[in-house]
Amino acid sequence: METFETYCKKYLTGNGMFDDDAETVFNLFMHDETQTTMVGRWNDDMETYPPMMQNVCIVALNHFTVKWIETNLPFAWFKGMFEKFEKDEKLLNVICTLL
């Protein structure tokens, strides 16, 4: 079983973030005001949700992560791994309307 929490943390570390930074980012993201619909769901089995939920979750996490990196680690070598989705503002705006 893979939960939203484990999936998000794997995404962060899979794109080059160190475990401790990934833990920090995820904990801040999990408690961010934009994630109120996910309260109580972070440890749910992702397979019980439509597959689109993975994508929506990652887009929101990615957007949050870029802001965190810019504030806390602006010269991090892995910054570009998260910025790749931020480059196309039109696509991001469309996706964020789904959140």
PDB file of N, CA and C in Angstrom:
ATOM      1  N   MET A   1       0.842  -1.182   0.000  1.00  0.00           N
ATOM      2  CA  MET A   1       0.000   0.000   0.000  1.00  0.00           C
ATOM      3  C   MET A   1       0.887   1.245   0.000  1.00  0.00           C
ATOM      4  N   GLU A   2       0.582   2.155  -0.908  1.00  0.00           N
ATOM      5  CA  GLU A   2       1.301   3.420  -0.920  1.00  0.00           C
ATOM      6  C   GLU A   2       0.331   4.534  -0.548  1.00  0.00           C
ATOM      7  N   THR A   3       0.742   5.340   0.414  1.00  0.00           N
ATOM      8  CA  THR A   3      -0.099   6.445   0.863  1.00  0.00           C
ATOM      9  C   THR A   3       0.284   7.726   0.126  1.00  0.00           C
ATOM     10  N   PHE A   4      -0.563   8.730   0.238  1.00  0.00           N
ATOM     11  CA  PHE A   4      -0.236  10.037  -0.339  1.00  0.00           C
ATOM     12  C   PHE A   4       1.058  10.570   0.263  1.00  0.00           C
ATOM     13  N   GLU A   5       1.232  10.370   1.559  1.00  0.00           N
ATOM     14  CA  GLU A   5       2.445  10.856   2.232  1.00  0.00           C
ATOM     15  C   GLU A   5       3.702  10.196   1.675  1.00  0.00           C
ATOM     16  N   THR A   6       3.706   8.882   1.564  1.00  0.00           N
ATOM     17  CA  THR A   6       4.902   8.201   1.059  1.00  0.00           C
ATOM     18  C   THR A   6       5.149   8.549  -0.409  1.00  0.00           C
ATOM     19  N   TYR A   7       4.091   8.679  -1.178  1.00  0.00           N
ATOM     20  CA  TYR A   7       4.217   9.043  -2.590  1.00  0.00           C
ATOM     21  C   TYR A   7       4.847  10.423  -2.737  1.00  0.00           C
ATOM     22  N   CYS A   8       4.383  11.382  -1.949  1.00  0.00           N
ATOM     23  CA  CYS A   8       4.909  12.752  -2.010  1.00  0.00           C
ATOM     24  C   CYS A   8       6.377  12.805  -1.587  1.00  0.00           C
ATOM     25  N   LYS A   9       6.711  12.103  -0.537  1.00  0.00           N
ATOM     26  CA  LYS A   9       8.104  12.102  -0.076  1.00  0.00           C
ATOM     27  C   LYS A   9       9.023  11.440  -1.099  1.00  0.00           C
ATOM     28  N   LYS A  10       8.547  10.371  -1.736  1.00  0.00           N
ATOM     29  CA  LYS A  10       9.341   9.729  -2.790  1.00  0.00           C
ATOM     30  C   LYS A  10       9.537  10.673  -3.972  1.00  0.00           C
ATOM     31  N   TYR A  11       8.511  11.442  -4.279  1.00  0.00           N
ATOM     32  CA  TYR A  11       8.612  12.414  -5.367  1.00  0.00           C
ATOM     33  C   TYR A  11       9.698  13.442  -5.042  1.00  0.00           C
ATOM     34  N   LEU A  12       9.694  13.951  -3.834  1.00  0.00           N
ATOM     35  CA  LEU A  12      10.674  14.966  -3.438  1.00  0.00           C
ATOM     36  C   LEU A  12      12.096  14.403  -3.481  1.00  0.00           C
ATOM     37  N   THR A  13      12.311  13.259  -2.878  1.00  0.00           N
ATOM     38  CA  THR A  13      13.664  12.680  -2.857  1.00  0.00           C
ATOM     39  C   THR A  13      14.056  12.155  -4.236  1.00  0.00           C
ATOM     40  N   GLY A  14      13.093  11.690  -5.001  1.00  0.00           N
ATOM     41  CA  GLY A  14      13.360  11.213  -6.350  1.00  0.00           C
ATOM     42  C   GLY A  14      13.816  12.317  -7.298  1.00  0.00           C
ATOM     43  N   ASN A  15      13.527  13.546  -6.940  1.00  0.00           N
ATOM     44  CA  ASN A  15      13.970  14.692  -7.728  1.00  0.00           C
ATOM     45  C   ASN A  15      15.185  15.372  -7.102  1.00  0.00           C
ATOM     46  N   GLY A  16      15.849  14.671  -6.203  1.00  0.00           N
ATOM     47  CA  GLY A  16      17.131  15.140  -5.705  1.00  0.00           C
ATOM     48  C   GLY A  16      17.152  15.762  -4.335  1.00  0.00           C
ATOM     49  N   MET A  17      16.019  15.924  -3.706  1.00  0.00           N
ATOM     50  CA  MET A  17      15.985  16.546  -2.387  1.00  0.00           C
ATOM     51  C   MET A  17      16.457  15.548  -1.324  1.00  0.00           C
ATOM     52  N   PHE A  18      17.218  16.038  -0.369  1.00  0.00           N
ATOM     53  CA  PHE A  18      17.668  15.182   0.730  1.00  0.00           C
ATOM     54  C   PHE A  18      16.486  14.830   1.634  1.00  0.00           C
ATOM     55  N   ASP A  19      16.593  13.683   2.313  1.00  0.00           N
ATOM     56  CA  ASP A  19      15.494  13.186   3.144  1.00  0.00           C
ATOM     57  C   ASP A  19      15.014  14.211   4.170  1.00  0.00           C
ATOM     58  N   ASP A  20      15.947  14.877   4.849  1.00  0.00           N
ATOM     59  CA  ASP A  20      15.531  15.826   5.891  1.00  0.00           C
ATOM     60  C   ASP A  20      14.813  17.033   5.293  1.00  0.00           C
ATOM     61  N   ASP A  21      15.266  17.514   4.141  1.00  0.00           N
ATOM     62  CA  ASP A  21      14.569  18.617   3.481  1.00  0.00           C
ATOM     63  C   ASP A  21      13.198  18.161   2.973  1.00  0.00           C
ATOM     64  N   ALA A  22      13.132  16.966   2.445  1.00  0.00           N
ATOM     65  CA  ALA A  22      11.859  16.429   1.960  1.00  0.00           C
ATOM     66  C   ALA A  22      10.854  16.313   3.106  1.00  0.00           C
ATOM     67  N   GLU A  23      11.325  15.869   4.245  1.00  0.00           N
ATOM     68  CA  GLU A  23      10.456  15.752   5.424  1.00  0.00           C
ATOM     69  C   GLU A  23       9.941  17.131   5.840  1.00  0.00           C
ATOM     70  N   THR A  24      10.829  18.120   5.843  1.00  0.00           N
ATOM     71  CA  THR A  24      10.441  19.486   6.205  1.00  0.00           C
ATOM     72  C   THR A  24       9.415  20.040   5.225  1.00  0.00           C
ATOM     73  N   VAL A  25       9.720  19.916   3.941  1.00  0.00           N
ATOM     74  CA  VAL A  25       8.813  20.441   2.915  1.00  0.00           C
ATOM     75  C   VAL A  25       7.453  19.760   3.000  1.00  0.00           C
ATOM     76  N   PHE A  26       7.453  18.436   3.115  1.00  0.00           N
ATOM     77  CA  PHE A  26       6.168  17.738   3.153  1.00  0.00           C
ATOM     78  C   PHE A  26       5.356  18.135   4.377  1.00  0.00           C
ATOM     79  N   ASN A  27       5.997  18.239   5.532  1.00  0.00           N
ATOM     80  CA  ASN A  27       5.254  18.612   6.744  1.00  0.00           C
ATOM     81  C   ASN A  27       4.656  20.012   6.628  1.00  0.00           C
ATOM     82  N   LEU A  28       5.392  20.935   6.026  1.00  0.00           N
ATOM     83  CA  LEU A  28       4.848  22.274   5.804  1.00  0.00           C
ATOM     84  C   LEU A  28       3.703  22.242   4.786  1.00  0.00           C
ATOM     85  N   PHE A  29       3.910  21.485   3.716  1.00  0.00           N
ATOM     86  CA  PHE A  29       2.890  21.346   2.674  1.00  0.00           C
ATOM     87  C   PHE A  29       1.618  20.719   3.232  1.00  0.00           C
ATOM     88  N   MET A  30       1.766  19.673   4.022  1.00  0.00           N
ATOM     89  CA  MET A  30       0.636  18.948   4.583  1.00  0.00           C
ATOM     90  C   MET A  30      -0.240  19.867   5.444  1.00  0.00           C
ATOM     91  N   HIS A  31       0.382  20.834   6.113  1.00  0.00           N
ATOM     92  CA  HIS A  31      -0.358  21.742   6.991  1.00  0.00           C
ATOM     93  C   HIS A  31      -0.653  23.092   6.348  1.00  0.00           C
ATOM     94  N   ASP A  32      -0.342  23.233   5.067  1.00  0.00           N
ATOM     95  CA  ASP A  32      -0.599  24.483   4.365  1.00  0.00           C
ATOM     96  C   ASP A  32      -2.103  24.664   4.183  1.00  0.00           C
ATOM     97  N   GLU A  33      -2.534  25.916   4.207  1.00  0.00           N
ATOM     98  CA  GLU A  33      -3.968  26.209   4.088  1.00  0.00           C
ATOM     99  C   GLU A  33      -4.566  25.748   2.761  1.00  0.00           C
ATOM    100  N   THR A  34      -3.727  25.554   1.749  1.00  0.00           N
ATOM    101  CA  THR A  34      -4.238  25.084   0.456  1.00  0.00           C
ATOM    102  C   THR A  34      -4.573  23.595   0.467  1.00  0.00           C
ATOM    103  N   GLN A  35      -4.198  22.899   1.520  1.00  0.00           N
ATOM    104  CA  GLN A  35      -4.375  21.443   1.564  1.00  0.00           C
ATOM    105  C   GLN A  35      -5.469  20.990   2.523  1.00  0.00           C
ATOM    106  N   THR A  36      -6.424  21.863   2.807  1.00  0.00           N
ATOM    107  CA  THR A  36      -7.474  21.513   3.764  1.00  0.00           C
ATOM    108  C   THR A  36      -8.299  20.308   3.317  1.00  0.00           C
ATOM    109  N   THR A  37      -8.443  20.106   2.024  1.00  0.00           N
ATOM    110  CA  THR A  37      -9.228  18.956   1.549  1.00  0.00           C
ATOM    111  C   THR A  37      -8.518  17.626   1.796  1.00  0.00           C
ATOM    112  N   MET A  38      -7.217  17.696   2.074  1.00  0.00           N
ATOM    113  CA  MET A  38      -6.451  16.466   2.300  1.00  0.00           C
ATOM    114  C   MET A  38      -6.322  16.108   3.785  1.00  0.00           C
ATOM    115  N   VAL A  39      -6.808  16.952   4.658  1.00  0.00           N
ATOM    116  CA  VAL A  39      -6.714  16.663   6.095  1.00  0.00           C
ATOM    117  C   VAL A  39      -7.355  15.304   6.375  1.00  0.00           C
ATOM    118  N   GLY A  40      -6.608  14.455   7.048  1.00  0.00           N
ATOM    119  CA  GLY A  40      -7.100  13.120   7.372  1.00  0.00           C
ATOM    120  C   GLY A  40      -6.974  12.108   6.247  1.00  0.00           C
ATOM    121  N   ARG A  41      -6.405  12.514   5.114  1.00  0.00           N
ATOM    122  CA  ARG A  41      -6.288  11.606   3.974  1.00  0.00           C
ATOM    123  C   ARG A  41      -4.848  11.259   3.610  1.00  0.00           C
ATOM    124  N   TRP A  42      -3.880  11.902   4.215  1.00  0.00           N
ATOM    125  CA  TRP A  42      -2.484  11.715   3.836  1.00  0.00           C
ATOM    126  C   TRP A  42      -2.019  10.272   3.989  1.00  0.00           C
ATOM    127  N   ASN A  43      -2.601   9.529   4.915  1.00  0.00           N
ATOM    128  CA  ASN A  43      -2.194   8.136   5.124  1.00  0.00           C
ATOM    129  C   ASN A  43      -3.145   7.133   4.482  1.00  0.00           C
ATOM    130  N   ASP A  44      -4.049   7.642   3.641  1.00  0.00           N
ATOM    131  CA  ASP A  44      -4.957   6.751   2.911  1.00  0.00           C
ATOM    132  C   ASP A  44      -4.197   6.029   1.797  1.00  0.00           C
ATOM    133  N   ASP A  45      -4.684   4.856   1.471  1.00  0.00           N
ATOM    134  CA  ASP A  45      -4.152   4.091   0.339  1.00  0.00           C
ATOM    135  C   ASP A  45      -4.538   4.816  -0.949  1.00  0.00           C
ATOM    136  N   MET A  46      -3.546   5.190  -1.734  1.00  0.00           N
ATOM    137  CA  MET A  46      -3.804   5.939  -2.960  1.00  0.00           C
ATOM    138  C   MET A  46      -4.635   5.158  -3.969  1.00  0.00           C
ATOM    139  N   GLU A  47      -4.576   3.840  -3.910  1.00  0.00           N
ATOM    140  CA  GLU A  47      -5.318   3.022  -4.872  1.00  0.00           C
ATOM    141  C   GLU A  47      -6.825   3.128  -4.691  1.00  0.00           C
ATOM    142  N   THR A  48      -7.273   3.683  -3.566  1.00  0.00           N
ATOM    143  CA  THR A  48      -8.710   3.830  -3.338  1.00  0.00           C
ATOM    144  C   THR A  48      -9.246   5.135  -3.919  1.00  0.00           C
ATOM    145  N   TYR A  49      -8.364   5.926  -4.533  1.00  0.00           N
ATOM    146  CA  TYR A  49      -8.737   7.204  -5.150  1.00  0.00           C
ATOM    147  C   TYR A  49      -8.527   7.135  -6.660  1.00  0.00           C
ATOM    148  N   PRO A  50      -9.209   7.997  -7.409  1.00  0.00           N
ATOM    149  CA  PRO A  50      -8.966   8.028  -8.860  1.00  0.00           C
ATOM    150  C   PRO A  50      -7.507   8.368  -9.150  1.00  0.00           C
ATOM    151  N   PRO A  51      -6.925   7.785 -10.207  1.00  0.00           N
ATOM    152  CA  PRO A  51      -5.515   8.038 -10.536  1.00  0.00           C
ATOM    153  C   PRO A  51      -5.170   9.519 -10.706  1.00  0.00           C
ATOM    154  N   MET A  52      -6.122  10.331 -11.114  1.00  0.00           N
ATOM    155  CA  MET A  52      -5.876  11.751 -11.296  1.00  0.00           C
ATOM    156  C   MET A  52      -5.441  12.435  -9.991  1.00  0.00           C
ATOM    157  N   MET A  53      -5.842  11.871  -8.856  1.00  0.00           N
ATOM    158  CA  MET A  53      -5.484  12.464  -7.558  1.00  0.00           C
ATOM    159  C   MET A  53      -3.968  12.507  -7.368  1.00  0.00           C
ATOM    160  N   GLN A  54      -3.252  11.512  -7.883  1.00  0.00           N
ATOM    161  CA  GLN A  54      -1.788  11.533  -7.800  1.00  0.00           C
ATOM    162  C   GLN A  54      -1.242  12.760  -8.509  1.00  0.00           C
ATOM    163  N   ASN A  55      -1.733  13.005  -9.710  1.00  0.00           N
ATOM    164  CA  ASN A  55      -1.251  14.138 -10.500  1.00  0.00           C
ATOM    165  C   ASN A  55      -1.586  15.468  -9.847  1.00  0.00           C
ATOM    166  N   VAL A  56      -2.804  15.614  -9.378  1.00  0.00           N
ATOM    167  CA  VAL A  56      -3.220  16.855  -8.733  1.00  0.00           C
ATOM    168  C   VAL A  56      -2.368  17.112  -7.489  1.00  0.00           C
ATOM    169  N   CYS A  57      -2.132  16.074  -6.739  1.00  0.00           N
ATOM    170  CA  CYS A  57      -1.320  16.188  -5.524  1.00  0.00           C
ATOM    171  C   CYS A  57       0.107  16.613  -5.859  1.00  0.00           C
ATOM    172  N   ILE A  58       0.691  16.012  -6.865  1.00  0.00           N
ATOM    173  CA  ILE A  58       2.069  16.330  -7.236  1.00  0.00           C
ATOM    174  C   ILE A  58       2.188  17.738  -7.801  1.00  0.00           C
ATOM    175  N   VAL A  59       1.221  18.176  -8.578  1.00  0.00           N
ATOM    176  CA  VAL A  59       1.271  19.544  -9.103  1.00  0.00           C
ATOM    177  C   VAL A  59       1.253  20.549  -7.950  1.00  0.00           C
ATOM    178  N   ALA A  60       0.378  20.341  -6.990  1.00  0.00           N
ATOM    179  CA  ALA A  60       0.299  21.241  -5.837  1.00  0.00           C
ATOM    180  C   ALA A  60       1.586  21.177  -5.015  1.00  0.00           C
ATOM    181  N   LEU A  61       2.098  19.966  -4.782  1.00  0.00           N
ATOM    182  CA  LEU A  61       3.339  19.807  -4.025  1.00  0.00           C
ATOM    183  C   LEU A  61       4.504  20.470  -4.747  1.00  0.00           C
ATOM    184  N   ASN A  62       4.573  20.291  -6.040  1.00  0.00           N
ATOM    185  CA  ASN A  62       5.652  20.871  -6.822  1.00  0.00           C
ATOM    186  C   ASN A  62       5.637  22.396  -6.731  1.00  0.00           C
ATOM    187  N   HIS A  63       4.468  22.981  -6.880  1.00  0.00           N
ATOM    188  CA  HIS A  63       4.320  24.434  -6.802  1.00  0.00           C
ATOM    189  C   HIS A  63       4.766  24.937  -5.418  1.00  0.00           C
ATOM    190  N   PHE A  64       4.349  24.255  -4.375  1.00  0.00           N
ATOM    191  CA  PHE A  64       4.727  24.600  -3.009  1.00  0.00           C
ATOM    192  C   PHE A  64       6.241  24.451  -2.822  1.00  0.00           C
ATOM    193  N   THR A  65       6.801  23.386  -3.363  1.00  0.00           N
ATOM    194  CA  THR A  65       8.222  23.096  -3.215  1.00  0.00           C
ATOM    195  C   THR A  65       9.091  24.161  -3.877  1.00  0.00           C
ATOM    196  N   VAL A  66       8.707  24.610  -5.050  1.00  0.00           N
ATOM    197  CA  VAL A  66       9.476  25.655  -5.733  1.00  0.00           C
ATOM    198  C   VAL A  66       9.534  26.911  -4.866  1.00  0.00           C
ATOM    199  N   LYS A  67       8.416  27.295  -4.293  1.00  0.00           N
ATOM    200  CA  LYS A  67       8.398  28.471  -3.409  1.00  0.00           C
ATOM    201  C   LYS A  67       9.301  28.256  -2.197  1.00  0.00           C
ATOM    202  N   TRP A  68       9.260  27.048  -1.620  1.00  0.00           N
ATOM    203  CA  TRP A  68      10.086  26.749  -0.451  1.00  0.00           C
ATOM    204  C   TRP A  68      11.566  26.805  -0.814  1.00  0.00           C
ATOM    205  N   ILE A  69      11.928  26.226  -1.937  1.00  0.00           N
ATOM    206  CA  ILE A  69      13.329  26.235  -2.378  1.00  0.00           C
ATOM    207  C   ILE A  69      13.799  27.663  -2.600  1.00  0.00           C
ATOM    208  N   GLU A  70      12.990  28.465  -3.266  1.00  0.00           N
ATOM    209  CA  GLU A  70      13.384  29.852  -3.528  1.00  0.00           C
ATOM    210  C   GLU A  70      13.642  30.627  -2.240  1.00  0.00           C
ATOM    211  N   THR A  71      12.900  30.322  -1.200  1.00  0.00           N
ATOM    212  CA  THR A  71      13.053  31.010   0.085  1.00  0.00           C
ATOM    213  C   THR A  71      14.191  30.432   0.922  1.00  0.00           C
ATOM    214  N   ASN A  72      14.330  29.124   0.928  1.00  0.00           N
ATOM    215  CA  ASN A  72      15.243  28.455   1.862  1.00  0.00           C
ATOM    216  C   ASN A  72      16.542  27.943   1.253  1.00  0.00           C
ATOM    217  N   LEU A  73      16.505  27.512   0.017  1.00  0.00           N
ATOM    218  CA  LEU A  73      17.694  26.951  -0.635  1.00  0.00           C
ATOM    219  C   LEU A  73      17.776  27.433  -2.085  1.00  0.00           C
ATOM    220  N   PRO A  74      17.876  28.747  -2.290  1.00  0.00           N
ATOM    221  CA  PRO A  74      17.784  29.276  -3.653  1.00  0.00           C
ATOM    222  C   PRO A  74      18.851  28.770  -4.622  1.00  0.00           C
ATOM    223  N   PHE A  75      19.952  28.238  -4.109  1.00  0.00           N
ATOM    224  CA  PHE A  75      21.016  27.750  -4.988  1.00  0.00           C
ATOM    225  C   PHE A  75      21.121  26.224  -4.980  1.00  0.00           C
ATOM    226  N   ALA A  76      20.080  25.573  -4.498  1.00  0.00           N
ATOM    227  CA  ALA A  76      20.086  24.105  -4.453  1.00  0.00           C
ATOM    228  C   ALA A  76      20.223  23.539  -5.861  1.00  0.00           C
ATOM    229  N   TRP A  77      21.067  22.539  -5.999  1.00  0.00           N
ATOM    230  CA  TRP A  77      21.311  21.960  -7.318  1.00  0.00           C
ATOM    231  C   TRP A  77      20.053  21.299  -7.884  1.00  0.00           C
ATOM    232  N   PHE A  78      19.145  20.876  -7.022  1.00  0.00           N
ATOM    233  CA  PHE A  78      17.940  20.183  -7.479  1.00  0.00           C
ATOM    234  C   PHE A  78      16.782  21.131  -7.783  1.00  0.00           C
ATOM    235  N   LYS A  79      16.992  22.420  -7.651  1.00  0.00           N
ATOM    236  CA  LYS A  79      15.935  23.404  -7.895  1.00  0.00           C
ATOM    237  C   LYS A  79      15.316  23.229  -9.288  1.00  0.00           C
ATOM    238  N   GLY A  80      16.153  23.020 -10.280  1.00  0.00           N
ATOM    239  CA  GLY A  80      15.667  22.857 -11.653  1.00  0.00           C
ATOM    240  C   GLY A  80      14.747  21.672 -11.847  1.00  0.00           C
ATOM    241  N   MET A  81      14.906  20.647 -11.034  1.00  0.00           N
ATOM    242  CA  MET A  81      14.051  19.468 -11.147  1.00  0.00           C
ATOM    243  C   MET A  81      12.603  19.807 -10.819  1.00  0.00           C
ATOM    244  N   PHE A  82      12.413  20.772  -9.939  1.00  0.00           N
ATOM    245  CA  PHE A  82      11.063  21.166  -9.547  1.00  0.00           C
ATOM    246  C   PHE A  82      10.542  22.331 -10.392  1.00  0.00           C
ATOM    247  N   GLU A  83      11.456  23.121 -10.933  1.00  0.00           N
ATOM    248  CA  GLU A  83      11.052  24.267 -11.742  1.00  0.00           C
ATOM    249  C   GLU A  83      10.526  23.863 -13.116  1.00  0.00           C
ATOM    250  N   LYS A  84      10.854  22.645 -13.541  1.00  0.00           N
ATOM    251  CA  LYS A  84      10.463  22.225 -14.892  1.00  0.00           C
ATOM    252  C   LYS A  84       8.961  22.359 -15.127  1.00  0.00           C
ATOM    253  N   PHE A  85       8.138  22.148 -14.097  1.00  0.00           N
ATOM    254  CA  PHE A  85       6.693  22.273 -14.250  1.00  0.00           C
ATOM    255  C   PHE A  85       6.225  23.719 -14.107  1.00  0.00           C
ATOM    256  N   GLU A  86       7.040  24.548 -13.501  1.00  0.00           N
ATOM    257  CA  GLU A  86       6.671  25.940 -13.269  1.00  0.00           C
ATOM    258  C   GLU A  86       6.885  26.800 -14.509  1.00  0.00           C
ATOM    259  N   LYS A  87       7.618  26.304 -15.475  1.00  0.00           N
ATOM    260  CA  LYS A  87       7.966  27.089 -16.653  1.00  0.00           C
ATOM    261  C   LYS A  87       6.752  27.447 -17.506  1.00  0.00           C
ATOM    262  N   ASP A  88       5.819  26.553 -17.609  1.00  0.00           N
ATOM    263  CA  ASP A  88       4.653  26.782 -18.450  1.00  0.00           C
ATOM    264  C   ASP A  88       3.505  27.290 -17.579  1.00  0.00           C
ATOM    265  N   GLU A  89       3.413  28.611 -17.424  1.00  0.00           N
ATOM    266  CA  GLU A  89       2.416  29.205 -16.540  1.00  0.00           C
ATOM    267  C   GLU A  89       0.992  28.910 -16.973  1.00  0.00           C
ATOM    268  N   LYS A  90       0.736  28.869 -18.260  1.00  0.00           N
ATOM    269  CA  LYS A  90      -0.619  28.602 -18.730  1.00  0.00           C
ATOM    270  C   LYS A  90      -1.073  27.217 -18.288  1.00  0.00           C
ATOM    271  N   LEU A  91      -0.217  26.226 -18.468  1.00  0.00           N
ATOM    272  CA  LEU A  91      -0.549  24.866 -18.044  1.00  0.00           C
ATOM    273  C   LEU A  91      -0.738  24.816 -16.543  1.00  0.00           C
ATOM    274  N   LEU A  92       0.149  25.453 -15.799  1.00  0.00           N
ATOM    275  CA  LEU A  92       0.050  25.453 -14.344  1.00  0.00           C
ATOM    276  C   LEU A  92      -1.262  26.089 -13.896  1.00  0.00           C
ATOM    277  N   ASN A  93      -1.652  27.199 -14.520  1.00  0.00           N
ATOM    278  CA  ASN A  93      -2.898  27.862 -14.138  1.00  0.00           C
ATOM    279  C   ASN A  93      -4.107  26.964 -14.395  1.00  0.00           C
ATOM    280  N   VAL A  94      -4.090  26.235 -15.485  1.00  0.00           N
ATOM    281  CA  VAL A  94      -5.177  25.316 -15.781  1.00  0.00           C
ATOM    282  C   VAL A  94      -5.224  24.205 -14.748  1.00  0.00           C
ATOM    283  N   ILE A  95      -4.082  23.641 -14.450  1.00  0.00           N
ATOM    284  CA  ILE A  95      -4.034  22.540 -13.479  1.00  0.00           C
ATOM    285  C   ILE A  95      -4.429  23.015 -12.094  1.00  0.00           C
ATOM    286  N   CYS A  96      -3.962  24.193 -11.690  1.00  0.00           N
ATOM    287  CA  CYS A  96      -4.262  24.702 -10.356  1.00  0.00           C
ATOM    288  C   CYS A  96      -5.745  25.007 -10.181  1.00  0.00           C
ATOM    289  N   THR A  97      -6.463  25.264 -11.270  1.00  0.00           N
ATOM    290  CA  THR A  97      -7.910  25.480 -11.145  1.00  0.00           C
ATOM    291  C   THR A  97      -8.629  24.190 -10.775  1.00  0.00           C
ATOM    292  N   LEU A  98      -7.975  23.052 -11.004  1.00  0.00           N
ATOM    293  CA  LEU A  98      -8.560  21.762 -10.641  1.00  0.00           C
ATOM    294  C   LEU A  98      -8.418  21.467  -9.150  1.00  0.00           C
ATOM    295  N   LEU A  99      -7.526  22.178  -8.486  1.00  0.00           N
ATOM    296  CA  LEU A  99      -7.248  21.892  -7.077  1.00  0.00           C
ATOM    297  C   LEU A  99      -8.352  22.356  -6.163  1.00  0.00           C
TER     298      LEU A  99
END
